[in-house]
C-alpha atoms as a PDB file:
ATOM      1  CA  MET A   1     108.742 138.122 156.368  1.00  0.00           C
ATOM      2  CA  SER A   2     108.075 137.034 159.932  1.00  0.00           C
ATOM      3  CA  THR A   3     109.533 139.336 162.581  1.00  0.00           C
ATOM      4  CA  LEU A   4     110.126 138.332 166.173  1.00  0.00           C
ATOM      5  CA  ARG A   5     109.096 141.590 167.812  1.00  0.00           C
ATOM      6  CA  ASP A   6     108.686 142.448 171.454  1.00  0.00           C
ATOM      7  CA  GLN A   7     106.295 139.865 172.858  1.00  0.00           C
ATOM      8  CA  LEU A   8     104.066 142.551 174.352  1.00  0.00           C
ATOM      9  CA  PRO A   9     100.630 142.360 172.769  1.00  0.00           C
ATOM     10  CA  ARG A  10      99.390 145.884 172.173  1.00  0.00           C
ATOM     11  CA  GLY A  11      95.959 144.866 173.306  1.00  0.00           C
ATOM     12  CA  ASN A  12      97.285 143.355 176.515  1.00  0.00           C
ATOM     13  CA  PRO A  13      98.450 146.160 178.844  1.00  0.00           C
ATOM     14  CA  GLU A  14      98.850 143.709 181.722  1.00  0.00           C
ATOM     15  CA  ALA A  15     101.413 141.633 179.799  1.00  0.00           C
ATOM     16  CA  GLN A  16     103.277 144.766 178.773  1.00  0.00           C
ATOM     17  CA  THR A  17     103.335 146.157 182.302  1.00  0.00           C
ATOM     18  CA  GLY A  18     104.591 142.814 183.610  1.00  0.00           C
ATOM     19  CA  TRP A  19     107.533 142.717 181.221  1.00  0.00           C
ATOM     20  CA  LEU A  20     108.484 146.360 181.836  1.00  0.00           C
ATOM     21  CA  THR A  21     108.401 145.769 185.585  1.00  0.00           C
ATOM     22  CA  ARG A  22     110.637 142.713 185.214  1.00  0.00           C
ATOM     23  CA  LEU A  23     112.980 144.653 182.949  1.00  0.00           C
ATOM     24  CA  THR A  24     113.276 147.492 185.473  1.00  0.00           C
ATOM     25  CA  GLN A  25     113.909 144.977 188.247  1.00  0.00           C
ATOM     26  CA  GLY A  26     116.394 143.098 186.086  1.00  0.00           C
ATOM     27  CA  LEU A  27     118.383 146.271 185.472  1.00  0.00           C
ATOM     28  CA  SER A  28     118.306 147.290 189.137  1.00  0.00           C
ATOM     29  CA  LYS A  29     121.978 146.497 189.759  1.00  0.00           C
ATOM     30  CA  SER A  30     122.958 148.802 186.913  1.00  0.00           C
ATOM     31  CA  SER A  31     120.385 151.493 187.674  1.00  0.00           C
ATOM     32  CA  SER A  32     120.951 151.698 191.451  1.00  0.00           C
ATOM     33  CA  ARG A  33     124.520 152.899 190.988  1.00  0.00           C
ATOM     34  CA  LEU A  34     123.393 155.521 188.486  1.00  0.00           C
ATOM     35  CA  VAL A  35     120.378 156.657 190.497  1.00  0.00           C
ATOM     36  CA  THR A  36     122.411 157.054 193.682  1.00  0.00           C
ATOM     37  CA  GLY A  37     125.327 158.681 191.868  1.00  0.00           C
ATOM     38  CA  ILE A  38     123.146 161.197 190.037  1.00  0.00           C
ATOM     39  CA  SER A  39     121.316 162.090 193.238  1.00  0.00           C
ATOM     40  CA  ASP A  40     124.620 162.702 195.050  1.00  0.00           C
ATOM     41  CA  ILE A  41     125.987 164.839 192.216  1.00  0.00           C
ATOM     42  CA  VAL A  42     123.072 167.169 191.459  1.00  0.00           C
ATOM     43  CA  THR A  43     121.495 167.692 194.892  1.00  0.00           C
ATOM     44  CA  LYS A  44     120.836 171.439 195.292  1.00  0.00           C
ATOM     45  CA  ARG A  45     123.282 172.387 192.527  1.00  0.00           C
ATOM     46  CA  LYS A  46     123.015 174.178 189.237  1.00  0.00           C
ATOM     47  CA  LEU A  47     124.138 172.348 186.127  1.00  0.00           C
ATOM     48  CA  ASP A  48     127.670 173.709 185.756  1.00  0.00           C
ATOM     49  CA  ASP A  49     130.927 172.347 184.353  1.00  0.00           C
ATOM     50  CA  GLY A  50     131.732 170.547 187.604  1.00  0.00           C
ATOM     51  CA  VAL A  51     128.397 168.744 187.675  1.00  0.00           C
ATOM     52  CA  LEU A  52     128.719 167.768 184.010  1.00  0.00           C
ATOM     53  CA  THR A  53     132.210 166.386 184.584  1.00  0.00           C
ATOM     54  CA  ASP A  54     131.014 164.351 187.558  1.00  0.00           C
ATOM     55  CA  LEU A  55     128.053 163.031 185.579  1.00  0.00           C
ATOM     56  CA  GLU A  56     130.290 162.077 182.671  1.00  0.00           C
ATOM     57  CA  ASP A  57     132.632 160.216 185.030  1.00  0.00           C
ATOM     58  CA  LEU A  58     129.659 158.404 186.579  1.00  0.00           C
ATOM     59  CA  LEU A  59     128.388 157.293 183.186  1.00  0.00           C
ATOM     60  CA  ILE A  60     131.838 156.003 182.259  1.00  0.00           C
ATOM     61  CA  THR A  61     132.045 153.940 185.463  1.00  0.00           C
ATOM     62  CA  ALA A  62     128.685 152.400 184.452  1.00  0.00           C
ATOM     63  CA  ASP A  63     130.400 151.062 181.295  1.00  0.00           C
ATOM     64  CA  ILE A  64     128.525 153.437 178.998  1.00  0.00           C
ATOM     65  CA  GLY A  65     131.866 154.448 177.484  1.00  0.00           C
ATOM     66  CA  GLY A  66     133.752 157.742 177.230  1.00  0.00           C
ATOM     67  CA  ALA A  67     132.519 158.920 173.844  1.00  0.00           C
ATOM     68  CA  THR A  68     128.900 158.099 174.594  1.00  0.00           C
ATOM     69  CA  ALA A  69     129.090 159.643 178.076  1.00  0.00           C
ATOM     70  CA  ALA A  70     130.410 162.887 176.594  1.00  0.00           C
ATOM     71  CA  LYS A  71     127.631 162.913 174.018  1.00  0.00           C
ATOM     72  CA  LEU A  72     124.965 162.396 176.675  1.00  0.00           C
ATOM     73  CA  THR A  73     126.214 165.129 178.993  1.00  0.00           C
ATOM     74  CA  SER A  74     126.576 167.552 176.079  1.00  0.00           C
ATOM     75  CA  ALA A  75     122.916 166.987 175.219  1.00  0.00           C
ATOM     76  CA  LEU A  76     122.016 167.668 178.855  1.00  0.00           C
ATOM     77  CA  ALA A  77     124.056 170.869 178.884  1.00  0.00           C
ATOM     78  CA  ALA A  78     122.473 172.114 175.656  1.00  0.00           C
ATOM     79  CA  THR A  79     119.124 172.729 177.358  1.00  0.00           C
ATOM     80  CA  ARG A  80     119.825 173.001 181.085  1.00  0.00           C
ATOM     81  CA  PHE A  81     123.295 174.516 181.581  1.00  0.00           C
ATOM     82  CA  GLY A  82     123.375 177.068 184.397  1.00  0.00           C
ATOM     83  CA  LYS A  83     119.902 176.119 185.630  1.00  0.00           C
ATOM     84  CA  GLU A  84     118.734 174.390 188.771  1.00  0.00           C
ATOM     85  CA  ILE A  85     118.019 170.770 187.982  1.00  0.00           C
ATOM     86  CA  SER A  86     116.747 167.813 190.006  1.00  0.00           C
ATOM     87  CA  ASP A  87     118.108 164.301 189.922  1.00  0.00           C
ATOM     88  CA  THR A  88     114.828 163.077 188.398  1.00  0.00           C
ATOM     89  CA  GLU A  89     115.099 165.647 185.601  1.00  0.00           C
ATOM     90  CA  VAL A  90     118.653 164.513 184.905  1.00  0.00           C
ATOM     91  CA  ARG A  91     117.584 160.867 184.738  1.00  0.00           C
ATOM     92  CA  GLU A  92     114.606 161.682 182.505  1.00  0.00           C
ATOM     93  CA  THR A  93     116.792 163.667 180.114  1.00  0.00           C
ATOM     94  CA  LEU A  94     119.544 161.053 180.041  1.00  0.00           C
ATOM     95  CA  ALA A  95     116.974 158.288 179.441  1.00  0.00           C
ATOM     96  CA  THR A  96     115.614 160.224 176.453  1.00  0.00           C
ATOM     97  CA  GLU A  97     119.104 160.752 175.016  1.00  0.00           C
ATOM     98  CA  ILE A  98     120.136 157.126 175.640  1.00  0.00           C
ATOM     99  CA  ALA A  99     117.010 155.969 173.827  1.00  0.00           C
ATOM    100  CA  LYS A 100     118.052 158.095 170.830  1.00  0.00           C
ATOM    101  CA  VAL A 101     121.442 156.356 170.802  1.00  0.00           C
ATOM    102  CA  LEU A 102     119.838 152.927 171.096  1.00  0.00           C
ATOM    103  CA  GLU A 103     116.964 153.357 168.648  1.00  0.00           C
ATOM    104  CA  PRO A 104     118.995 152.500 165.505  1.00  0.00           C
ATOM    105  CA  ALA A 105     120.138 149.267 167.201  1.00  0.00           C
ATOM    106  CA  ALA A 106     116.658 148.162 168.227  1.00  0.00           C
ATOM    107  CA  ARG A 107     116.019 145.987 165.208  1.00  0.00           C
ATOM    108  CA  PRO A 108     114.201 142.663 165.641  1.00  0.00           C
ATOM    109  CA  LEU A 109     115.475 139.470 164.103  1.00  0.00           C
ATOM    110  CA  ALA A 110     113.473 138.959 160.911  1.00  0.00           C
ATOM    111  CA  ILE A 111     112.896 135.443 159.599  1.00  0.00           C
ATOM    112  CA  ASP A 112     112.833 135.434 155.801  1.00  0.00           C
ATOM    113  CA  PRO A 113     110.414 132.702 154.675  1.00  0.00           C
ATOM    114  CA  THR A 114     112.158 132.415 151.293  1.00  0.00           C
ATOM    115  CA  HIS A 115     114.957 130.616 153.142  1.00  0.00           C
ATOM    116  CA  LYS A 116     113.872 127.194 154.380  1.00  0.00           C
ATOM    117  CA  PRO A 117     115.448 126.698 156.728  1.00  0.00           C
ATOM    118  CA  PHE A 118     116.419 130.178 157.884  1.00  0.00           C
ATOM    119  CA  VAL A 119     119.748 129.371 159.553  1.00  0.00           C
ATOM    120  CA  VAL A 120     120.712 131.157 162.775  1.00  0.00           C
ATOM    121  CA  LEU A 121     124.272 130.515 163.984  1.00  0.00           C
ATOM    122  CA  ALA A 122     124.944 131.364 167.635  1.00  0.00           C
ATOM    123  CA  VAL A 123     128.528 132.266 168.553  1.00  0.00           C
ATOM    124  CA  GLY A 124     130.344 133.618 171.599  1.00  0.00           C
ATOM    125  CA  VAL A 125     132.807 132.892 174.371  1.00  0.00           C
ATOM    126  CA  ASN A 126     132.519 130.211 177.035  1.00  0.00           C
ATOM    127  CA  GLY A 127     129.718 130.814 179.509  1.00  0.00           C
ATOM    128  CA  ALA A 128     127.970 133.574 177.581  1.00  0.00           C
ATOM    129  CA  GLY A 129     124.707 131.624 177.521  1.00  0.00           C
ATOM    130  CA  LYS A 130     124.513 130.509 173.890  1.00  0.00           C
ATOM    131  CA  THR A 131     122.798 127.171 174.507  1.00  0.00           C
ATOM    132  CA  THR A 132     120.175 128.671 176.813  1.00  0.00           C
ATOM    133  CA  THR A 133     119.609 131.522 174.378  1.00  0.00           C
ATOM    134  CA  ILE A 134     119.012 129.071 171.521  1.00  0.00           C
ATOM    135  CA  GLY A 135     116.500 127.166 173.646  1.00  0.00           C
ATOM    136  CA  LYS A 136     114.637 130.359 174.488  1.00  0.00           C
ATOM    137  CA  LEU A 137     114.596 131.408 170.842  1.00  0.00           C
ATOM    138  CA  ALA A 138     113.175 128.020 169.891  1.00  0.00           C
ATOM    139  CA  HIS A 139     110.430 128.595 172.459  1.00  0.00           C
ATOM    140  CA  GLN A 140     109.616 132.027 171.021  1.00  0.00           C
ATOM    141  CA  PHE A 141     109.725 130.994 167.377  1.00  0.00           C
ATOM    142  CA  ARG A 142     107.515 128.007 168.126  1.00  0.00           C
ATOM    143  CA  GLY A 143     105.104 130.443 169.759  1.00  0.00           C
ATOM    144  CA  GLU A 144     104.938 132.231 166.407  1.00  0.00           C
ATOM    145  CA  GLY A 145     103.878 128.998 164.755  1.00  0.00           C
ATOM    146  CA  LEU A 146     107.205 128.329 163.037  1.00  0.00           C
ATOM    147  CA  LYS A 147     108.644 124.848 162.552  1.00  0.00           C
ATOM    148  CA  VAL A 148     111.998 124.926 164.360  1.00  0.00           C
ATOM    149  CA  SER A 149     114.931 122.558 164.757  1.00  0.00           C
ATOM    150  CA  MET A 150     118.193 122.858 166.671  1.00  0.00           C
ATOM    151  CA  ALA A 151     121.698 121.527 166.103  1.00  0.00           C
ATOM    152  CA  ALA A 152     123.913 120.791 169.118  1.00  0.00           C
ATOM    153  CA  GLY A 153     127.110 122.128 167.588  1.00  0.00           C
ATOM    154  CA  ASP A 154     128.905 122.411 170.930  1.00  0.00           C
ATOM    155  CA  THR A 155     130.264 118.904 170.509  1.00  0.00           C
ATOM    156  CA  PHE A 156     132.971 119.430 173.146  1.00  0.00           C
ATOM    157  CA  ARG A 157     130.537 119.550 176.062  1.00  0.00           C
ATOM    158  CA  ALA A 158     128.178 116.670 176.654  1.00  0.00           C
ATOM    159  CA  ALA A 159     126.289 118.904 179.091  1.00  0.00           C
ATOM    160  CA  ALA A 160     125.550 121.408 176.305  1.00  0.00           C
ATOM    161  CA  VAL A 161     124.106 118.657 174.115  1.00  0.00           C
ATOM    162  CA  GLU A 162     121.922 117.381 176.950  1.00  0.00           C
ATOM    163  CA  GLN A 163     120.804 120.926 177.769  1.00  0.00           C
ATOM    164  CA  LEU A 164     119.702 121.487 174.179  1.00  0.00           C
ATOM    165  CA  LYS A 165     117.846 118.153 174.167  1.00  0.00           C
ATOM    166  CA  VAL A 166     115.908 119.291 177.238  1.00  0.00           C
ATOM    167  CA  TRP A 167     114.918 122.458 175.383  1.00  0.00           C
ATOM    168  CA  GLY A 168     113.934 120.277 172.435  1.00  0.00           C
ATOM    169  CA  GLU A 169     111.562 118.300 174.640  1.00  0.00           C
ATOM    170  CA  ARG A 170     110.092 121.478 176.125  1.00  0.00           C
ATOM    171  CA  THR A 171     109.482 123.099 172.765  1.00  0.00           C
ATOM    172  CA  GLY A 172     108.690 120.080 170.614  1.00  0.00           C
ATOM    173  CA  CYS A 173     111.682 120.772 168.356  1.00  0.00           C
ATOM    174  CA  VAL A 174     113.973 118.253 166.682  1.00  0.00           C
ATOM    175  CA  VAL A 175     117.510 118.394 168.107  1.00  0.00           C
ATOM    176  CA  MET A 176     120.327 117.047 165.938  1.00  0.00           C
ATOM    177  CA  SER A 177     123.418 115.896 167.796  1.00  0.00           C
ATOM    178  CA  ARG A 178     126.469 113.678 167.470  1.00  0.00           C
ATOM    179  CA  ASP A 179     128.890 111.995 169.862  1.00  0.00           C
ATOM    180  CA  THR A 180     131.120 114.132 172.060  1.00  0.00           C
ATOM    181  CA  GLY A 181     134.120 115.352 170.078  1.00  0.00           C
ATOM    182  CA  ALA A 182     132.435 114.971 166.688  1.00  0.00           C
ATOM    183  CA  ASP A 183     133.229 117.479 163.964  1.00  0.00           C
ATOM    184  CA  ALA A 184     130.933 120.465 164.459  1.00  0.00           C
ATOM    185  CA  ALA A 185     131.169 121.575 160.817  1.00  0.00           C
ATOM    186  CA  SER A 186     129.978 118.173 159.599  1.00  0.00           C
ATOM    187  CA  LEU A 187     127.085 118.296 162.047  1.00  0.00           C
ATOM    188  CA  ALA A 188     126.074 121.739 160.745  1.00  0.00           C
ATOM    189  CA  PHE A 189     126.223 120.439 157.165  1.00  0.00           C
ATOM    190  CA  GLU A 190     123.990 117.466 157.960  1.00  0.00           C
ATOM    191  CA  ALA A 191     121.632 119.539 160.094  1.00  0.00           C
ATOM    192  CA  ILE A 192     120.868 121.951 157.258  1.00  0.00           C
ATOM    193  CA  ASN A 193     120.194 119.134 154.823  1.00  0.00           C
ATOM    194  CA  GLU A 194     117.929 117.345 157.294  1.00  0.00           C
ATOM    195  CA  ALA A 195     116.081 120.565 158.168  1.00  0.00           C
ATOM    196  CA  ARG A 196     115.597 121.269 154.489  1.00  0.00           C
ATOM    197  CA  THR A 197     114.159 117.770 153.946  1.00  0.00           C
ATOM    198  CA  ARG A 198     111.702 118.244 156.822  1.00  0.00           C
ATOM    199  CA  GLY A 199     110.690 121.692 155.575  1.00  0.00           C
ATOM    200  CA  ASP A 200     111.744 123.454 158.775  1.00  0.00           C
ATOM    201  CA  ASP A 201     111.283 127.229 158.894  1.00  0.00           C
ATOM    202  CA  VAL A 202     114.208 127.874 161.246  1.00  0.00           C
ATOM    203  CA  LEU A 203     117.377 126.000 162.175  1.00  0.00           C
ATOM    204  CA  LEU A 204     119.233 127.199 165.264  1.00  0.00           C
ATOM    205  CA  ILE A 205     122.872 126.042 165.402  1.00  0.00           C
ATOM    206  CA  ASP A 206     124.764 126.080 168.692  1.00  0.00           C
ATOM    207  CA  THR A 207     128.578 126.305 168.709  1.00  0.00           C
ATOM    208  CA  ALA A 208     131.254 125.643 171.283  1.00  0.00           C
ATOM    209  CA  GLY A 209     132.325 128.587 173.388  1.00  0.00           C
ATOM    210  CA  ARG A 210     135.683 129.905 172.367  1.00  0.00           C
ATOM    211  CA  LEU A 211     137.938 132.619 173.696  1.00  0.00           C
ATOM    212  CA  GLN A 212     138.375 135.403 171.193  1.00  0.00           C
ATOM    213  CA  ASN A 213     142.193 135.252 171.543  1.00  0.00           C
ATOM    214  CA  LYS A 214     142.522 131.554 170.643  1.00  0.00           C
ATOM    215  CA  GLY A 215     143.410 131.389 166.951  1.00  0.00           C
ATOM    216  CA  ALA A 216     142.819 127.670 166.404  1.00  0.00           C
ATOM    217  CA  LEU A 217     139.320 127.794 167.869  1.00  0.00           C
ATOM    218  CA  MET A 218     138.421 130.830 165.793  1.00  0.00           C
ATOM    219  CA  GLU A 219     139.665 129.046 162.662  1.00  0.00           C
ATOM    220  CA  GLU A 220     137.362 126.163 163.518  1.00  0.00           C
ATOM    221  CA  LEU A 221     134.455 128.611 163.681  1.00  0.00           C
ATOM    222  CA  GLN A 222     135.396 129.927 160.251  1.00  0.00           C
ATOM    223  CA  LYS A 223     135.339 126.326 158.999  1.00  0.00           C
ATOM    224  CA  ILE A 224     131.786 125.896 160.292  1.00  0.00           C
ATOM    225  CA  VAL A 225     130.708 129.012 158.393  1.00  0.00           C
ATOM    226  CA  ARG A 226     132.441 127.809 155.190  1.00  0.00           C
ATOM    227  CA  VAL A 227     130.781 124.402 155.378  1.00  0.00           C
ATOM    228  CA  ILE A 228     127.357 125.946 155.998  1.00  0.00           C
ATOM    229  CA  LYS A 229     127.815 128.011 152.833  1.00  0.00           C
ATOM    230  CA  LYS A 230     128.508 124.854 150.835  1.00  0.00           C
ATOM    231  CA  VAL A 231     124.932 123.780 151.528  1.00  0.00           C
ATOM    232  CA  ASP A 232     123.406 127.243 151.150  1.00  0.00           C
ATOM    233  CA  ALA A 233     125.560 130.097 149.863  1.00  0.00           C
ATOM    234  CA  SER A 234     123.300 132.632 151.588  1.00  0.00           C
ATOM    235  CA  ALA A 235     123.609 130.972 155.007  1.00  0.00           C
ATOM    236  CA  PRO A 236     123.992 131.510 157.856  1.00  0.00           C
ATOM    237  CA  HIS A 237     121.187 134.016 157.399  1.00  0.00           C
ATOM    238  CA  ALA A 238     121.810 135.439 160.870  1.00  0.00           C
ATOM    239  CA  THR A 239     124.924 135.109 163.010  1.00  0.00           C
ATOM    240  CA  LEU A 240     124.010 135.978 166.571  1.00  0.00           C
ATOM    241  CA  LEU A 241     126.800 136.915 168.974  1.00  0.00           C
ATOM    242  CA  VAL A 242     125.679 136.089 172.511  1.00  0.00           C
ATOM    243  CA  LEU A 243     127.350 138.366 175.051  1.00  0.00           C
ATOM    244  CA  ASP A 244     127.413 138.027 178.821  1.00  0.00           C
ATOM    245  CA  ALA A 245     126.670 141.545 180.083  1.00  0.00           C
ATOM    246  CA  THR A 246     128.725 140.930 183.238  1.00  0.00           C
ATOM    247  CA  VAL A 247     131.973 141.202 181.228  1.00  0.00           C
ATOM    248  CA  GLY A 248     131.465 144.942 180.752  1.00  0.00           C
ATOM    249  CA  GLN A 249     133.984 146.624 178.475  1.00  0.00           C
ATOM    250  CA  ASN A 250     135.515 143.282 177.449  1.00  0.00           C
ATOM    251  CA  ALA A 251     132.423 142.879 175.286  1.00  0.00           C
ATOM    252  CA  HIS A 252     133.957 145.361 172.816  1.00  0.00           C
ATOM    253  CA  ALA A 253     136.864 143.027 172.073  1.00  0.00           C
ATOM    254  CA  GLN A 254     134.486 140.091 171.669  1.00  0.00           C
ATOM    255  CA  VAL A 255     132.362 141.961 169.125  1.00  0.00           C
ATOM    256  CA  GLU A 256     135.410 143.018 167.127  1.00  0.00           C
ATOM    257  CA  VAL A 257     136.900 139.531 166.877  1.00  0.00           C
ATOM    258  CA  PHE A 258     133.695 137.589 166.261  1.00  0.00           C
ATOM    259  CA  GLN A 259     132.512 140.135 163.721  1.00  0.00           C
ATOM    260  CA  LYS A 260     135.746 139.653 161.792  1.00  0.00           C
ATOM    261  CA  THR A 261     135.780 135.867 162.145  1.00  0.00           C
ATOM    262  CA  ALA A 262     132.134 134.867 161.787  1.00  0.00           C
ATOM    263  CA  GLY A 263     130.436 137.883 160.193  1.00  0.00           C
ATOM    264  CA  VAL A 264     128.233 138.727 163.172  1.00  0.00           C
ATOM    265  CA  THR A 265     124.911 140.251 162.092  1.00  0.00           C
ATOM    266  CA  GLY A 266     123.332 140.922 165.486  1.00  0.00           C
ATOM    267  CA  LEU A 267     123.762 140.770 169.261  1.00  0.00           C
ATOM    268  CA  ALA A 268     122.005 139.186 172.220  1.00  0.00           C
ATOM    269  CA  LEU A 269     122.967 140.417 175.703  1.00  0.00           C
ATOM    270  CA  THR A 270     122.342 137.956 178.512  1.00  0.00           C
ATOM    271  CA  LYS A 271     122.552 138.096 182.321  1.00  0.00           C
ATOM    272  CA  LEU A 272     121.663 141.782 182.558  1.00  0.00           C
ATOM    273  CA  ASP A 273     120.019 141.003 185.896  1.00  0.00           C
ATOM    274  CA  GLY A 274     123.321 139.811 187.347  1.00  0.00           C
ATOM    275  CA  THR A 275     125.469 142.860 186.701  1.00  0.00           C
ATOM    276  CA  ALA A 276     125.917 146.577 187.359  1.00  0.00           C
ATOM    277  CA  LYS A 277     127.486 146.866 183.884  1.00  0.00           C
ATOM    278  CA  GLY A 278     124.302 147.001 181.828  1.00  0.00           C
ATOM    279  CA  GLY A 279     125.376 150.358 180.419  1.00  0.00           C
ATOM    280  CA  VAL A 280     127.799 148.533 178.139  1.00  0.00           C
ATOM    281  CA  LEU A 281     124.880 147.896 175.780  1.00  0.00           C
ATOM    282  CA  VAL A 282     124.703 151.648 175.122  1.00  0.00           C
ATOM    283  CA  ALA A 283     128.415 151.810 174.281  1.00  0.00           C
ATOM    284  CA  LEU A 284     128.175 148.775 171.980  1.00  0.00           C
ATOM    285  CA  ALA A 285     125.213 150.232 170.102  1.00  0.00           C
ATOM    286  CA  GLU A 286     127.022 153.536 169.607  1.00  0.00           C
ATOM    287  CA  LYS A 287     130.323 152.003 168.516  1.00  0.00           C
ATOM    288  CA  PHE A 288     129.430 149.034 166.298  1.00  0.00           C
ATOM    289  CA  ASN A 289     126.112 149.932 164.696  1.00  0.00           C
ATOM    290  CA  LEU A 290     124.977 146.305 164.995  1.00  0.00           C
ATOM    291  CA  PRO A 291     121.387 145.348 165.749  1.00  0.00           C
ATOM    292  CA  VAL A 292     120.747 144.355 169.351  1.00  0.00           C
ATOM    293  CA  HIS A 293     118.135 141.687 168.728  1.00  0.00           C
ATOM    294  CA  PHE A 294     117.573 140.358 172.243  1.00  0.00           C
ATOM    295  CA  ILE A 295     118.216 141.027 175.924  1.00  0.00           C
ATOM    296  CA  GLY A 296     118.015 138.504 178.737  1.00  0.00           C
ATOM    297  CA  ILE A 297     117.133 139.248 182.363  1.00  0.00           C
ATOM    298  CA  GLY A 298     116.546 135.801 183.828  1.00  0.00           C
ATOM    299  CA  GLU A 299     116.457 132.040 183.374  1.00  0.00           C
ATOM    300  CA  LYS A 300     112.835 131.556 182.308  1.00  0.00           C
ATOM    301  CA  ALA A 301     111.927 131.055 178.671  1.00  0.00           C
ATOM    302  CA  ASP A 302     110.126 134.396 178.570  1.00  0.00           C
ATOM    303  CA  ASP A 303     113.041 136.278 180.133  1.00  0.00           C
ATOM    304  CA  LEU A 304     114.701 136.677 176.736  1.00  0.00           C
ATOM    305  CA  ARG A 305     112.879 139.353 174.757  1.00  0.00           C
ATOM    306  CA  PRO A 306     113.415 141.473 171.671  1.00  0.00           C
ATOM    307  CA  PHE A 307     115.254 144.652 172.574  1.00  0.00           C
ATOM    308  CA  THR A 308     113.389 147.971 172.710  1.00  0.00           C
ATOM    309  CA  ALA A 309     115.285 151.233 173.127  1.00  0.00           C
ATOM    310  CA  ARG A 310     112.942 153.308 175.275  1.00  0.00           C
ATOM    311  CA  SER A 311     112.116 150.648 177.858  1.00  0.00           C
ATOM    312  CA  PHE A 312     115.771 149.722 178.270  1.00  0.00           C
ATOM    313  CA  ALA A 313     116.889 153.364 178.581  1.00  0.00           C
ATOM    314  CA  ARG A 314     114.276 154.123 181.222  1.00  0.00           C
ATOM    315  CA  GLY A 315     115.036 150.922 183.117  1.00  0.00           C
ATOM    316  CA  LEU A 316     118.727 151.793 183.117  1.00  0.00           C
ATOM    317  CA  MET A 317     117.881 155.148 184.706  1.00  0.00           C
ATOM    318  CA  GLY A 318     115.578 153.570 187.275  1.00  0.00           C
ATOM    319  CA  LEU A 319     112.460 155.041 185.674  1.00  0.00           C
ATOM    320  CA  GLU A 320     109.185 153.219 185.148  1.00  0.00           C
ATOM    321  CA  GLY A 321     107.254 152.932 181.908  1.00  0.00           C
END
């Protein structure tokens, strides 16, 4: 089973340092609020009930969520209550506790070679970054030596089809598409059969963005899943919900609806570099127990990476390494 793990070669410290630096920079909008807030709260104060309440409120405003914020501050109080504590010590402790929350979610997307093709269906609302995410995944899978194809299932937007074709040219992947307005379920059906004939290892299927409160569009997504299963009862083998991190707490509603409608098996959070709401990833991991396969911090192909708990937690707290 091939696993797309963090693209940080263990024997290449320079590559690892470069990614961690970019991750810390990418999370700077989220971390700056927390770093400043923690510094203001704990300066020259003992860790008492007032400090803990203020810290919990700060974590909630960072979209970490009420239940998770309470859990984190309780862990802090368990070892340091009544003692003098610095802002750096608070951030170090919170980063350690956040990593514990995130660790169960840090599961890479595994490609099972017994499924040819291994079908990945990307779903999500308008503007979440599904098409770009699929292109970046094609780039990474190709880098692993896998034979990859893509299906332009967002048949409503000609721009999405053209965008995927550009990624196809960049990565050397076949892109299957139809005319604007064509039936997306039929395209998915044909794409799997064609990928199977070619012997592709992975087929990445894009879908049109749809609001989670639009019943007709969600029914259409269910149709795509049903049709895929007619070709291969075990497919889609992964259903990746692409979330725009800038939506903050609204991501919870998206996960709930898409999980019910499309059987989401994992998450990808994009645009973490464009928001102060990166803490929402912690709340999602705690609440839904879904794997967070990927995080995105930029537009380049290498700016989408497999999610790792410790590096994210430390970046969120403005800590290096």
